[in-house]
Each structure stands twice: as structure tokens, then as C-alpha cells.
Amino acid sequence: MITKMLSQLNDEDLEILLSRDVGITDVLSVVNEIVMEVGS
């Protein structure tokens, strides 16, 4: 996994990231699994 700070992104990368058509419901199940693993 590649991790970057928003401040490290150039304008083109930031625009690509912010233009993604993904909502909270699209990722909620994956996020929930991660939170449950961290909490146990």
C-alpha cells in the first residue's frame, strides 16, 4: 500500500483523488472490518 499526505500530492494527483465517484456506502463494509480487527 502506498501512503501519502495530501500536502505531498501535486495538483493533478489531488484532482484525480477528489474526482473519484466513490461514496461512504461503497467502502463502509471494508472500513468496518478494519476497525473490528484493530479493536480486537
N, C-alpha and C. Protein backbone atom coordinates (compact mmCIF):
# COMPACT_ATOMS: atom_id res chain seq x y z
N MET A 1 0.84 -1.17 0.00
CA MET A 1 0.00 0.00 0.00
C MET A 1 0.89 1.24 0.00
N ILE A 2 0.51 2.20 -0.80
CA ILE A 2 1.24 3.47 -0.85
C ILE A 2 0.48 4.48 0.00
N THR A 3 1.18 5.14 0.90
CA THR A 3 0.57 6.15 1.76
C THR A 3 1.23 7.49 1.49
N LYS A 4 0.40 8.51 1.28
CA LYS A 4 0.92 9.86 1.05
C LYS A 4 0.07 10.85 1.82
N MET A 5 0.69 11.92 2.25
CA MET A 5 -0.03 13.03 2.87
C MET A 5 -0.67 13.85 1.75
N LEU A 6 -1.85 14.40 2.00
CA LEU A 6 -2.48 15.23 0.98
C LEU A 6 -1.57 16.37 0.55
N SER A 7 -0.80 16.90 1.48
CA SER A 7 0.09 18.01 1.17
C SER A 7 1.22 17.60 0.22
N GLN A 8 1.46 16.29 0.06
CA GLN A 8 2.51 15.80 -0.81
C GLN A 8 2.03 15.58 -2.25
N LEU A 9 0.72 15.65 -2.47
CA LEU A 9 0.18 15.39 -3.80
C LEU A 9 0.30 16.62 -4.68
N ASN A 10 0.61 16.39 -5.95
CA ASN A 10 0.61 17.51 -6.88
C ASN A 10 -0.83 17.78 -7.31
N ASP A 11 -1.05 18.87 -8.03
CA ASP A 11 -2.42 19.27 -8.39
C ASP A 11 -3.15 18.20 -9.19
N GLU A 12 -2.44 17.55 -10.12
CA GLU A 12 -3.07 16.52 -10.95
C GLU A 12 -3.51 15.32 -10.12
N ASP A 13 -2.64 14.85 -9.23
CA ASP A 13 -2.99 13.70 -8.38
C ASP A 13 -4.13 14.04 -7.44
N LEU A 14 -4.13 15.24 -6.90
CA LEU A 14 -5.18 15.67 -5.98
C LEU A 14 -6.53 15.73 -6.71
N GLU A 15 -6.54 16.24 -7.92
CA GLU A 15 -7.78 16.31 -8.69
C GLU A 15 -8.31 14.92 -9.01
N ILE A 16 -7.42 13.99 -9.36
CA ILE A 16 -7.83 12.61 -9.64
C ILE A 16 -8.44 11.98 -8.39
N LEU A 17 -7.79 12.17 -7.25
CA LEU A 17 -8.28 11.61 -5.99
C LEU A 17 -9.66 12.17 -5.64
N LEU A 18 -9.83 13.46 -5.75
CA LEU A 18 -11.08 14.09 -5.35
C LEU A 18 -12.21 13.87 -6.35
N SER A 19 -11.91 13.46 -7.56
CA SER A 19 -12.95 13.26 -8.58
C SER A 19 -13.45 11.83 -8.61
N ARG A 20 -12.95 10.97 -7.76
CA ARG A 20 -13.41 9.58 -7.73
C ARG A 20 -14.89 9.53 -7.37
N ASP A 21 -15.60 8.64 -8.02
CA ASP A 21 -17.04 8.50 -7.77
C ASP A 21 -17.28 7.36 -6.78
N VAL A 22 -16.82 7.57 -5.55
CA VAL A 22 -16.96 6.56 -4.51
C VAL A 22 -17.59 7.24 -3.29
N GLY A 23 -18.64 6.62 -2.79
CA GLY A 23 -19.31 7.16 -1.62
C GLY A 23 -19.01 6.31 -0.39
N ILE A 24 -19.45 6.80 0.74
CA ILE A 24 -19.19 6.11 2.02
C ILE A 24 -19.79 4.71 2.02
N THR A 25 -20.93 4.53 1.38
CA THR A 25 -21.55 3.20 1.38
C THR A 25 -20.73 2.20 0.57
N ASP A 26 -19.91 2.69 -0.36
CA ASP A 26 -19.08 1.80 -1.17
C ASP A 26 -17.93 1.20 -0.37
N VAL A 27 -17.49 1.87 0.67
CA VAL A 27 -16.33 1.41 1.42
C VAL A 27 -16.64 1.05 2.87
N LEU A 28 -17.86 1.25 3.29
CA LEU A 28 -18.23 1.07 4.69
C LEU A 28 -17.95 -0.34 5.20
N SER A 29 -18.25 -1.36 4.43
CA SER A 29 -18.04 -2.73 4.91
C SER A 29 -16.55 -3.03 5.11
N VAL A 30 -15.70 -2.55 4.22
CA VAL A 30 -14.26 -2.77 4.36
C VAL A 30 -13.72 -2.01 5.57
N VAL A 31 -14.16 -0.77 5.72
CA VAL A 31 -13.71 0.03 6.87
C VAL A 31 -14.16 -0.63 8.17
N ASN A 32 -15.37 -1.14 8.20
CA ASN A 32 -15.88 -1.80 9.40
C ASN A 32 -15.02 -3.02 9.76
N GLU A 33 -14.63 -3.81 8.76
CA GLU A 33 -13.77 -4.97 9.02
C GLU A 33 -12.44 -4.54 9.62
N ILE A 34 -11.86 -3.47 9.09
CA ILE A 34 -10.56 -2.99 9.60
C ILE A 34 -10.71 -2.52 11.04
N VAL A 35 -11.75 -1.76 11.31
CA VAL A 35 -11.97 -1.26 12.68
C VAL A 35 -12.17 -2.42 13.65
N MET A 36 -12.91 -3.44 13.24
CA MET A 36 -13.14 -4.59 14.12
C MET A 36 -11.83 -5.34 14.39
N GLU A 37 -10.96 -5.45 13.40
CA GLU A 37 -9.67 -6.13 13.60
C GLU A 37 -8.77 -5.33 14.54
N VAL A 38 -8.77 -4.02 14.38
CA VAL A 38 -7.92 -3.16 15.23
C VAL A 38 -8.43 -3.19 16.66
N GLY A 39 -9.75 -3.25 16.83
CA GLY A 39 -10.34 -3.21 18.15
C GLY A 39 -10.23 -4.52 18.92
N SER A 40 -9.87 -5.60 18.27
CA SER A 40 -9.82 -6.88 18.99
C SER A 40 -8.42 -7.29 19.37
